[in-house]
């Protein structure tokens, strides 16, 4: 049974108890039991599609002390934060590779 909801129904009011039960029932079903036959399979990307357009690569998280250090130095030197971190890491890697 296909149930359709308007955007207003989905986003501008809380779910009813019935809707909550339906969602929980779907969550408990294995993927193999969910009928997706009405969704067309994508066999080729439309012209002009750019794959990975918004992918930024892996995220590196700095501890607060390092983040503050690079933020202060970036501000002082007028160099973009990311460029400063990359330059510093590149120098560290080059230096470690020169050691025997």
PDB file of N, CA and C in Angstrom:
ATOM      1  N   UNK A   1       0.845  -1.174   0.000  1.00  0.00           N
ATOM      2  CA  UNK A   1       0.000   0.000   0.000  1.00  0.00           C
ATOM      3  C   UNK A   1       0.894   1.243   0.000  1.00  0.00           C
ATOM      4  N   UNK A   2       0.698   2.130  -0.940  1.00  0.00           N
ATOM      5  CA  UNK A   2       1.475   3.354  -1.062  1.00  0.00           C
ATOM      6  C   UNK A   2       0.766   4.488  -0.343  1.00  0.00           C
ATOM      7  N   UNK A   3       1.470   5.116   0.571  1.00  0.00           N
ATOM      8  CA  UNK A   3       0.907   6.254   1.295  1.00  0.00           C
ATOM      9  C   UNK A   3       1.720   7.479   0.924  1.00  0.00           C
ATOM     10  N   UNK A   4       1.055   8.526   0.470  1.00  0.00           N
ATOM     11  CA  UNK A   4       1.751   9.749   0.105  1.00  0.00           C
ATOM     12  C   UNK A   4       1.423  10.845   1.104  1.00  0.00           C
ATOM     13  N   UNK A   5       2.435  11.641   1.436  1.00  0.00           N
ATOM     14  CA  UNK A   5       2.255  12.746   2.352  1.00  0.00           C
ATOM     15  C   UNK A   5       2.730  14.017   1.683  1.00  0.00           C
ATOM     16  N   UNK A   6       2.053  15.105   1.930  1.00  0.00           N
ATOM     17  CA  UNK A   6       2.507  16.391   1.414  1.00  0.00           C
ATOM     18  C   UNK A   6       3.668  16.879   2.278  1.00  0.00           C
ATOM     19  N   UNK A   7       4.400  17.843   1.767  1.00  0.00           N
ATOM     20  CA  UNK A   7       5.506  18.424   2.527  1.00  0.00           C
ATOM     21  C   UNK A   7       4.994  19.010   3.842  1.00  0.00           C
ATOM     22  N   UNK A   8       3.833  19.642   3.786  1.00  0.00           N
ATOM     23  CA  UNK A   8       3.238  20.237   4.981  1.00  0.00           C
ATOM     24  C   UNK A   8       2.956  19.162   6.032  1.00  0.00           C
ATOM     25  N   UNK A   9       2.422  18.022   5.593  1.00  0.00           N
ATOM     26  CA  UNK A   9       2.129  16.936   6.527  1.00  0.00           C
ATOM     27  C   UNK A   9       3.397  16.381   7.172  1.00  0.00           C
ATOM     28  N   UNK A  10       4.476  16.323   6.397  1.00  0.00           N
ATOM     29  CA  UNK A  10       5.713  15.736   6.909  1.00  0.00           C
ATOM     30  C   UNK A  10       6.479  16.667   7.832  1.00  0.00           C
ATOM     31  N   UNK A  11       6.514  17.940   7.507  1.00  0.00           N
ATOM     32  CA  UNK A  11       7.435  18.830   8.201  1.00  0.00           C
ATOM     33  C   UNK A  11       6.797  19.833   9.154  1.00  0.00           C
ATOM     34  N   UNK A  12       5.508  20.050   9.065  1.00  0.00           N
ATOM     35  CA  UNK A  12       4.912  21.118   9.862  1.00  0.00           C
ATOM     36  C   UNK A  12       3.993  20.651  10.982  1.00  0.00           C
ATOM     37  N   UNK A  13       4.006  19.367  11.253  1.00  0.00           N
ATOM     38  CA  UNK A  13       3.240  18.890  12.401  1.00  0.00           C
ATOM     39  C   UNK A  13       3.828  17.559  12.858  1.00  0.00           C
ATOM     40  N   UNK A  14       3.623  17.224  14.102  1.00  0.00           N
ATOM     41  CA  UNK A  14       4.201  15.973  14.619  1.00  0.00           C
ATOM     42  C   UNK A  14       3.520  14.747  14.000  1.00  0.00           C
ATOM     43  N   UNK A  15       4.258  13.636  13.990  1.00  0.00           N
ATOM     44  CA  UNK A  15       3.694  12.391  13.480  1.00  0.00           C
ATOM     45  C   UNK A  15       2.594  11.897  14.410  1.00  0.00           C
ATOM     46  N   UNK A  16       1.575  11.301  13.820  1.00  0.00           N
ATOM     47  CA  UNK A  16       0.526  10.672  14.624  1.00  0.00           C
ATOM     48  C   UNK A  16       1.066   9.337  15.136  1.00  0.00           C
ATOM     49  N   UNK A  17       0.366   8.743  16.083  1.00  0.00           N
ATOM     50  CA  UNK A  17       0.771   7.429  16.600  1.00  0.00           C
ATOM     51  C   UNK A  17       0.773   6.387  15.486  1.00  0.00           C
ATOM     52  N   UNK A  18      -0.197   6.478  14.573  1.00  0.00           N
ATOM     53  CA  UNK A  18      -0.275   5.537  13.458  1.00  0.00           C
ATOM     54  C   UNK A  18       0.977   5.666  12.574  1.00  0.00           C
ATOM     55  N   UNK A  19       1.362   6.893  12.253  1.00  0.00           N
ATOM     56  CA  UNK A  19       2.541   7.101  11.419  1.00  0.00           C
ATOM     57  C   UNK A  19       3.804   6.577  12.111  1.00  0.00           C
ATOM     58  N   UNK A  20       3.914   6.814  13.399  1.00  0.00           N
ATOM     59  CA  UNK A  20       5.071   6.307  14.150  1.00  0.00           C
ATOM     60  C   UNK A  20       5.136   4.791  14.079  1.00  0.00           C
ATOM     61  N   UNK A  21       3.980   4.130  14.225  1.00  0.00           N
ATOM     62  CA  UNK A  21       3.939   2.670  14.148  1.00  0.00           C
ATOM     63  C   UNK A  21       4.338   2.177  12.766  1.00  0.00           C
ATOM     64  N   UNK A  22       3.854   2.863  11.716  1.00  0.00           N
ATOM     65  CA  UNK A  22       4.198   2.468  10.344  1.00  0.00           C
ATOM     66  C   UNK A  22       5.691   2.620  10.087  1.00  0.00           C
ATOM     67  N   UNK A  23       6.282   3.699  10.552  1.00  0.00           N
ATOM     68  CA  UNK A  23       7.714   3.938  10.365  1.00  0.00           C
ATOM     69  C   UNK A  23       8.520   2.882  11.113  1.00  0.00           C
ATOM     70  N   UNK A  24       8.150   2.600  12.359  1.00  0.00           N
ATOM     71  CA  UNK A  24       8.866   1.588  13.136  1.00  0.00           C
ATOM     72  C   UNK A  24       8.747   0.210  12.499  1.00  0.00           C
ATOM     73  N   UNK A  25       7.566  -0.103  11.946  1.00  0.00           N
ATOM     74  CA  UNK A  25       7.375  -1.397  11.278  1.00  0.00           C
ATOM     75  C   UNK A  25       8.286  -1.496  10.050  1.00  0.00           C
ATOM     76  N   UNK A  26       8.410  -0.411   9.302  1.00  0.00           N
ATOM     77  CA  UNK A  26       9.303  -0.423   8.132  1.00  0.00           C
ATOM     78  C   UNK A  26      10.756  -0.559   8.549  1.00  0.00           C
ATOM     79  N   UNK A  27      11.126   0.056   9.646  1.00  0.00           N
ATOM     80  CA  UNK A  27      12.513  -0.013  10.111  1.00  0.00           C
ATOM     81  C   UNK A  27      12.889  -1.435  10.530  1.00  0.00           C
ATOM     82  N   UNK A  28      11.909  -2.200  10.997  1.00  0.00           N
ATOM     83  CA  UNK A  28      12.171  -3.565  11.445  1.00  0.00           C
ATOM     84  C   UNK A  28      12.219  -4.570  10.289  1.00  0.00           C
ATOM     85  N   UNK A  29      11.753  -4.192   9.119  1.00  0.00           N
ATOM     86  CA  UNK A  29      11.736  -5.116   7.988  1.00  0.00           C
ATOM     87  C   UNK A  29      13.115  -5.201   7.350  1.00  0.00           C
ATOM     88  N   UNK A  30      13.504  -6.382   6.896  1.00  0.00           N
ATOM     89  CA  UNK A  30      14.770  -6.486   6.169  1.00  0.00           C
ATOM     90  C   UNK A  30      14.653  -5.808   4.802  1.00  0.00           C
ATOM     91  N   UNK A  31      15.766  -5.344   4.282  1.00  0.00           N
ATOM     92  CA  UNK A  31      15.767  -4.662   2.985  1.00  0.00           C
ATOM     93  C   UNK A  31      15.138  -5.524   1.889  1.00  0.00           C
ATOM     94  N   UNK A  32      15.349  -6.829   1.958  1.00  0.00           N
ATOM     95  CA  UNK A  32      14.839  -7.722   0.912  1.00  0.00           C
ATOM     96  C   UNK A  32      13.316  -7.746   0.841  1.00  0.00           C
ATOM     97  N   UNK A  33      12.642  -7.357   1.903  1.00  0.00           N
ATOM     98  CA  UNK A  33      11.177  -7.360   1.920  1.00  0.00           C
ATOM     99  C   UNK A  33      10.571  -6.024   1.522  1.00  0.00           C
ATOM    100  N   UNK A  34      11.382  -5.018   1.306  1.00  0.00           N
ATOM    101  CA  UNK A  34      10.852  -3.707   0.941  1.00  0.00           C
ATOM    102  C   UNK A  34      10.767  -3.616  -0.574  1.00  0.00           C
ATOM    103  N   UNK A  35       9.571  -3.334  -1.061  1.00  0.00           N
ATOM    104  CA  UNK A  35       9.327  -3.282  -2.503  1.00  0.00           C
ATOM    105  C   UNK A  35       9.791  -1.944  -3.066  1.00  0.00           C
ATOM    106  N   UNK A  36      10.812  -1.985  -3.889  1.00  0.00           N
ATOM    107  CA  UNK A  36      11.313  -0.765  -4.538  1.00  0.00           C
ATOM    108  C   UNK A  36      11.095  -0.821  -6.046  1.00  0.00           C
ATOM    109  N   UNK A  37      10.174  -1.669  -6.486  1.00  0.00           N
ATOM    110  CA  UNK A  37       9.964  -1.867  -7.921  1.00  0.00           C
ATOM    111  C   UNK A  37       9.432  -0.614  -8.616  1.00  0.00           C
ATOM    112  N   UNK A  38       8.829   0.313  -7.877  1.00  0.00           N
ATOM    113  CA  UNK A  38       8.305   1.528  -8.496  1.00  0.00           C
ATOM    114  C   UNK A  38       9.374   2.609  -8.621  1.00  0.00           C
ATOM    115  N   UNK A  39      10.586   2.323  -8.142  1.00  0.00           N
ATOM    116  CA  UNK A  39      11.680   3.287  -8.251  1.00  0.00           C
ATOM    117  C   UNK A  39      12.563   2.845  -9.416  1.00  0.00           C
ATOM    118  N   UNK A  40      12.694   3.666 -10.435  1.00  0.00           N
ATOM    119  CA  UNK A  40      13.488   3.239 -11.593  1.00  0.00           C
ATOM    120  C   UNK A  40      14.965   3.110 -11.238  1.00  0.00           C
ATOM    121  N   UNK A  41      15.591   2.060 -11.782  1.00  0.00           N
ATOM    122  CA  UNK A  41      17.019   1.854 -11.564  1.00  0.00           C
ATOM    123  C   UNK A  41      17.806   2.828 -12.433  1.00  0.00           C
ATOM    124  N   UNK A  42      18.838   3.420 -11.875  1.00  0.00           N
ATOM    125  CA  UNK A  42      19.683   4.338 -12.634  1.00  0.00           C
ATOM    126  C   UNK A  42      20.747   3.514 -13.336  1.00  0.00           C
ATOM    127  N   UNK A  43      20.693   3.510 -14.662  1.00  0.00           N
ATOM    128  CA  UNK A  43      21.680   2.731 -15.426  1.00  0.00           C
ATOM    129  C   UNK A  43      22.777   3.618 -15.981  1.00  0.00           C
ATOM    130  N   UNK A  44      22.483   4.896 -16.156  1.00  0.00           N
ATOM    131  CA  UNK A  44      23.516   5.841 -16.587  1.00  0.00           C
ATOM    132  C   UNK A  44      23.184   7.220 -16.031  1.00  0.00           C
ATOM    133  N   UNK A  45      24.229   8.003 -15.810  1.00  0.00           N
ATOM    134  CA  UNK A  45      24.027   9.338 -15.255  1.00  0.00           C
ATOM    135  C   UNK A  45      23.591  10.305 -16.355  1.00  0.00           C
ATOM    136  N   UNK A  46      22.682  11.213 -16.036  1.00  0.00           N
ATOM    137  CA  UNK A  46      22.242  12.189 -17.035  1.00  0.00           C
ATOM    138  C   UNK A  46      23.401  13.096 -17.462  1.00  0.00           C
ATOM    139  N   UNK A  47      23.354  13.657 -18.673  1.00  0.00           N
ATOM    140  CA  UNK A  47      24.412  14.558 -19.119  1.00  0.00           C
ATOM    141  C   UNK A  47      24.535  15.750 -18.169  1.00  0.00           C
ATOM    142  N   UNK A  48      25.756  16.177 -17.931  1.00  0.00           N
ATOM    143  CA  UNK A  48      25.994  17.320 -17.067  1.00  0.00           C
ATOM    144  C   UNK A  48      26.124  16.957 -15.594  1.00  0.00           C
ATOM    145  N   UNK A  49      25.912  15.684 -15.266  1.00  0.00           N
ATOM    146  CA  UNK A  49      26.042  15.256 -13.883  1.00  0.00           C
ATOM    147  C   UNK A  49      27.512  15.223 -13.500  1.00  0.00           C
ATOM    148  N   UNK A  50      27.806  15.728 -12.331  1.00  0.00           N
ATOM    149  CA  UNK A  50      29.185  15.714 -11.842  1.00  0.00           C
ATOM    150  C   UNK A  50      29.222  14.830 -10.618  1.00  0.00           C
ATOM    151  N   UNK A  51      29.915  13.714 -10.723  1.00  0.00           N
ATOM    152  CA  UNK A  51      30.006  12.783  -9.600  1.00  0.00           C
ATOM    153  C   UNK A  51      30.999  13.314  -8.570  1.00  0.00           C
ATOM    154  N   UNK A  52      30.618  13.296  -7.301  1.00  0.00           N
ATOM    155  CA  UNK A  52      31.501  13.730  -6.231  1.00  0.00           C
ATOM    156  C   UNK A  52      31.697  15.235  -6.156  1.00  0.00           C
ATOM    157  N   UNK A  53      30.790  15.980  -6.722  1.00  0.00           N
ATOM    158  CA  UNK A  53      30.929  17.434  -6.802  1.00  0.00           C
ATOM    159  C   UNK A  53      31.113  18.102  -5.441  1.00  0.00           C
ATOM    160  N   UNK A  54      30.422  17.612  -4.444  1.00  0.00           N
ATOM    161  CA  UNK A  54      30.476  18.246  -3.131  1.00  0.00           C
ATOM    162  C   UNK A  54      31.353  17.473  -2.143  1.00  0.00           C
ATOM    163  N   UNK A  55      32.029  16.420  -2.625  1.00  0.00           N
ATOM    164  CA  UNK A  55      32.896  15.643  -1.745  1.00  0.00           C
ATOM    165  C   UNK A  55      34.150  16.445  -1.447  1.00  0.00           C
ATOM    166  N   UNK A  56      34.483  16.581  -0.180  1.00  0.00           N
ATOM    167  CA  UNK A  56      35.641  17.378   0.236  1.00  0.00           C
ATOM    168  C   UNK A  56      36.808  16.526   0.700  1.00  0.00           C
ATOM    169  N   UNK A  57      36.672  15.223   0.674  1.00  0.00           N
ATOM    170  CA  UNK A  57      37.740  14.361   1.161  1.00  0.00           C
ATOM    171  C   UNK A  57      37.617  14.131   2.649  1.00  0.00           C
ATOM    172  N   UNK A  58      38.561  13.388   3.193  1.00  0.00           N
ATOM    173  CA  UNK A  58      38.474  13.079   4.622  1.00  0.00           C
ATOM    174  C   UNK A  58      38.669  14.318   5.483  1.00  0.00           C
ATOM    175  N   UNK A  59      38.086  14.288   6.657  1.00  0.00           N
ATOM    176  CA  UNK A  59      38.195  15.394   7.601  1.00  0.00           C
ATOM    177  C   UNK A  59      39.291  15.081   8.606  1.00  0.00           C
ATOM    178  N   UNK A  60      40.121  16.054   8.885  1.00  0.00           N
ATOM    179  CA  UNK A  60      41.145  15.912   9.916  1.00  0.00           C
ATOM    180  C   UNK A  60      40.748  16.836  11.058  1.00  0.00           C
ATOM    181  N   UNK A  61      40.672  16.299  12.248  1.00  0.00           N
ATOM    182  CA  UNK A  61      40.278  17.103  13.405  1.00  0.00           C
ATOM    183  C   UNK A  61      41.508  17.401  14.253  1.00  0.00           C
ATOM    184  N   UNK A  62      41.677  18.650  14.600  1.00  0.00           N
ATOM    185  CA  UNK A  62      42.793  19.082  15.444  1.00  0.00           C
ATOM    186  C   UNK A  62      42.293  19.239  16.873  1.00  0.00           C
ATOM    187  N   UNK A  63      43.177  18.957  17.845  1.00  0.00           N
ATOM    188  CA  UNK A  63      42.766  19.225  19.216  1.00  0.00           C
ATOM    189  C   UNK A  63      42.691  20.744  19.396  1.00  0.00           C
ATOM    190  N   UNK A  64      42.088  21.190  20.459  1.00  0.00           N
ATOM    191  CA  UNK A  64      41.825  22.621  20.651  1.00  0.00           C
ATOM    192  C   UNK A  64      43.109  23.446  20.679  1.00  0.00           C
ATOM    193  N   UNK A  65      44.165  22.913  21.285  1.00  0.00           N
ATOM    194  CA  UNK A  65      45.430  23.646  21.368  1.00  0.00           C
ATOM    195  C   UNK A  65      46.024  23.894  19.972  1.00  0.00           C
ATOM    196  N   UNK A  66      46.036  22.864  19.120  1.00  0.00           N
ATOM    197  CA  UNK A  66      46.554  23.035  17.756  1.00  0.00           C
ATOM    198  C   UNK A  66      45.652  23.944  16.929  1.00  0.00           C
ATOM    199  N   UNK A  67      44.348  23.763  17.086  1.00  0.00           N
ATOM    200  CA  UNK A  67      43.418  24.608  16.323  1.00  0.00           C
ATOM    201  C   UNK A  67      43.634  26.079  16.664  1.00  0.00           C
ATOM    202  N   UNK A  68      43.784  26.366  17.946  1.00  0.00           N
ATOM    203  CA  UNK A  68      43.999  27.750  18.370  1.00  0.00           C
ATOM    204  C   UNK A  68      45.333  28.292  17.857  1.00  0.00           C
ATOM    205  N   UNK A  69      46.373  27.446  17.898  1.00  0.00           N
ATOM    206  CA  UNK A  69      47.691  27.849  17.403  1.00  0.00           C
ATOM    207  C   UNK A  69      47.605  28.250  15.929  1.00  0.00           C
ATOM    208  N   UNK A  70      47.020  27.377  15.114  1.00  0.00           N
ATOM    209  CA  UNK A  70      46.936  27.664  13.676  1.00  0.00           C
ATOM    210  C   UNK A  70      45.985  28.831  13.391  1.00  0.00           C
ATOM    211  N   UNK A  71      44.929  28.959  14.158  1.00  0.00           N
ATOM    212  CA  UNK A  71      44.002  30.078  13.962  1.00  0.00           C
ATOM    213  C   UNK A  71      44.701  31.408  14.254  1.00  0.00           C
ATOM    214  N   UNK A  72      45.445  31.458  15.366  1.00  0.00           N
ATOM    215  CA  UNK A  72      46.165  32.692  15.714  1.00  0.00           C
ATOM    216  C   UNK A  72      47.225  33.021  14.661  1.00  0.00           C
ATOM    217  N   UNK A  73      47.984  32.010  14.275  1.00  0.00           N
ATOM    218  CA  UNK A  73      49.055  32.236  13.287  1.00  0.00           C
ATOM    219  C   UNK A  73      48.471  32.625  11.931  1.00  0.00           C
ATOM    220  N   UNK A  74      47.396  31.990  11.546  1.00  0.00           N
ATOM    221  CA  UNK A  74      46.717  32.299  10.286  1.00  0.00           C
ATOM    222  C   UNK A  74      46.268  33.753  10.279  1.00  0.00           C
ATOM    223  N   UNK A  75      45.699  34.181  11.360  1.00  0.00           N
ATOM    224  CA  UNK A  75      45.226  35.548  11.495  1.00  0.00           C
ATOM    225  C   UNK A  75      46.392  36.548  11.465  1.00  0.00           C
ATOM    226  N   UNK A  76      47.455  36.224  12.206  1.00  0.00           N
ATOM    227  CA  UNK A  76      48.636  37.097  12.265  1.00  0.00           C
ATOM    228  C   UNK A  76      49.305  37.259  10.904  1.00  0.00           C
ATOM    229  N   UNK A  77      49.452  36.135  10.187  1.00  0.00           N
ATOM    230  CA  UNK A  77      50.191  36.145   8.927  1.00  0.00           C
ATOM    231  C   UNK A  77      49.310  36.419   7.715  1.00  0.00           C
ATOM    232  N   UNK A  78      48.010  36.428   7.902  1.00  0.00           N
ATOM    233  CA  UNK A  78      47.095  36.667   6.781  1.00  0.00           C
ATOM    234  C   UNK A  78      47.095  35.527   5.778  1.00  0.00           C
ATOM    235  N   UNK A  79      47.352  34.322   6.263  1.00  0.00           N
ATOM    236  CA  UNK A  79      47.392  33.126   5.406  1.00  0.00           C
ATOM    237  C   UNK A  79      46.158  32.284   5.733  1.00  0.00           C
ATOM    238  N   UNK A  80      45.487  31.717   4.730  1.00  0.00           N
ATOM    239  CA  UNK A  80      44.326  30.870   5.022  1.00  0.00           C
ATOM    240  C   UNK A  80      44.700  29.714   5.955  1.00  0.00           C
ATOM    241  N   UNK A  81      43.838  29.450   6.900  1.00  0.00           N
ATOM    242  CA  UNK A  81      44.041  28.415   7.913  1.00  0.00           C
ATOM    243  C   UNK A  81      44.453  27.092   7.280  1.00  0.00           C
ATOM    244  N   UNK A  82      43.679  26.632   6.293  1.00  0.00           N
ATOM    245  CA  UNK A  82      43.931  25.339   5.658  1.00  0.00           C
ATOM    246  C   UNK A  82      45.306  25.305   4.998  1.00  0.00           C
ATOM    247  N   UNK A  83      45.678  26.390   4.310  1.00  0.00           N
ATOM    248  CA  UNK A  83      46.988  26.445   3.646  1.00  0.00           C
ATOM    249  C   UNK A  83      48.113  26.336   4.663  1.00  0.00           C
ATOM    250  N   UNK A  84      47.948  26.979   5.802  1.00  0.00           N
ATOM    251  CA  UNK A  84      48.966  26.956   6.851  1.00  0.00           C
ATOM    252  C   UNK A  84      49.141  25.543   7.417  1.00  0.00           C
ATOM    253  N   UNK A  85      48.046  24.852   7.658  1.00  0.00           N
ATOM    254  CA  UNK A  85      48.116  23.486   8.178  1.00  0.00           C
ATOM    255  C   UNK A  85      48.775  22.571   7.153  1.00  0.00           C
ATOM    256  N   UNK A  86      48.383  22.679   5.884  1.00  0.00           N
ATOM    257  CA  UNK A  86      48.964  21.840   4.829  1.00  0.00           C
ATOM    258  C   UNK A  86      50.457  22.103   4.689  1.00  0.00           C
ATOM    259  N   UNK A  87      50.853  23.365   4.694  1.00  0.00           N
ATOM    260  CA  UNK A  87      52.271  23.709   4.578  1.00  0.00           C
ATOM    261  C   UNK A  87      53.069  23.125   5.739  1.00  0.00           C
ATOM    262  N   UNK A  88      52.560  23.256   6.944  1.00  0.00           N
ATOM    263  CA  UNK A  88      53.249  22.747   8.138  1.00  0.00           C
ATOM    264  C   UNK A  88      53.381  21.228   8.089  1.00  0.00           C
ATOM    265  N   UNK A  89      52.293  20.539   7.726  1.00  0.00           N
ATOM    266  CA  UNK A  89      52.337  19.081   7.640  1.00  0.00           C
ATOM    267  C   UNK A  89      53.272  18.621   6.519  1.00  0.00           C
ATOM    268  N   UNK A  90      53.270  19.311   5.389  1.00  0.00           N
ATOM    269  CA  UNK A  90      54.151  18.958   4.268  1.00  0.00           C
ATOM    270  C   UNK A  90      55.610  19.071   4.674  1.00  0.00           C
ATOM    271  N   UNK A  91      55.957  20.132   5.388  1.00  0.00           N
ATOM    272  CA  UNK A  91      57.335  20.300   5.868  1.00  0.00           C
ATOM    273  C   UNK A  91      57.710  19.197   6.851  1.00  0.00           C
ATOM    274  N   UNK A  92      56.800  18.839   7.746  1.00  0.00           N
ATOM    275  CA  UNK A  92      57.068  17.786   8.720  1.00  0.00           C
ATOM    276  C   UNK A  92      57.289  16.444   8.053  1.00  0.00           C
ATOM    277  N   UNK A  93      56.492  16.142   7.031  1.00  0.00           N
ATOM    278  CA  UNK A  93      56.636  14.873   6.311  1.00  0.00           C
ATOM    279  C   UNK A  93      57.955  14.851   5.545  1.00  0.00           C
ATOM    280  N   UNK A  94      58.272  15.940   4.848  1.00  0.00           N
ATOM    281  CA  UNK A  94      59.535  16.017   4.100  1.00  0.00           C
ATOM    282  C   UNK A  94      60.723  15.867   5.032  1.00  0.00           C
ATOM    283  N   UNK A  95      60.650  16.495   6.196  1.00  0.00           N
ATOM    284  CA  UNK A  95      61.752  16.425   7.173  1.00  0.00           C
ATOM    285  C   UNK A  95      61.906  14.991   7.698  1.00  0.00           C
ATOM    286  N   UNK A  96      60.808  14.325   7.975  1.00  0.00           N
ATOM    287  CA  UNK A  96      60.892  12.957   8.519  1.00  0.00           C
ATOM    288  C   UNK A  96      61.384  11.968   7.482  1.00  0.00           C
ATOM    289  N   UNK A  97      61.138  12.228   6.200  1.00  0.00           N
ATOM    290  CA  UNK A  97      61.592  11.324   5.127  1.00  0.00           C
ATOM    291  C   UNK A  97      63.077  11.468   4.848  1.00  0.00           C
ATOM    292  N   UNK A  98      63.670  12.602   5.207  1.00  0.00           N
ATOM    293  CA  UNK A  98      65.108  12.812   5.002  1.00  0.00           C
ATOM    294  C   UNK A  98      65.951  12.115   6.042  1.00  0.00           C
ATOM    295  N   UNK A  99      65.343  11.827   7.168  1.00  0.00           N
ATOM    296  CA  UNK A  99      66.094  11.169   8.251  1.00  0.00           C
ATOM    297  C   UNK A  99      66.347   9.711   7.879  1.00  0.00           C
ATOM    298  N   UNK A 100      67.553   9.199   8.265  1.00  0.00           N
ATOM    299  CA  UNK A 100      67.860   7.790   7.954  1.00  0.00           C
ATOM    300  C   UNK A 100      67.063   6.821   8.792  1.00  0.00           C
TER     301      UNK A 100
END
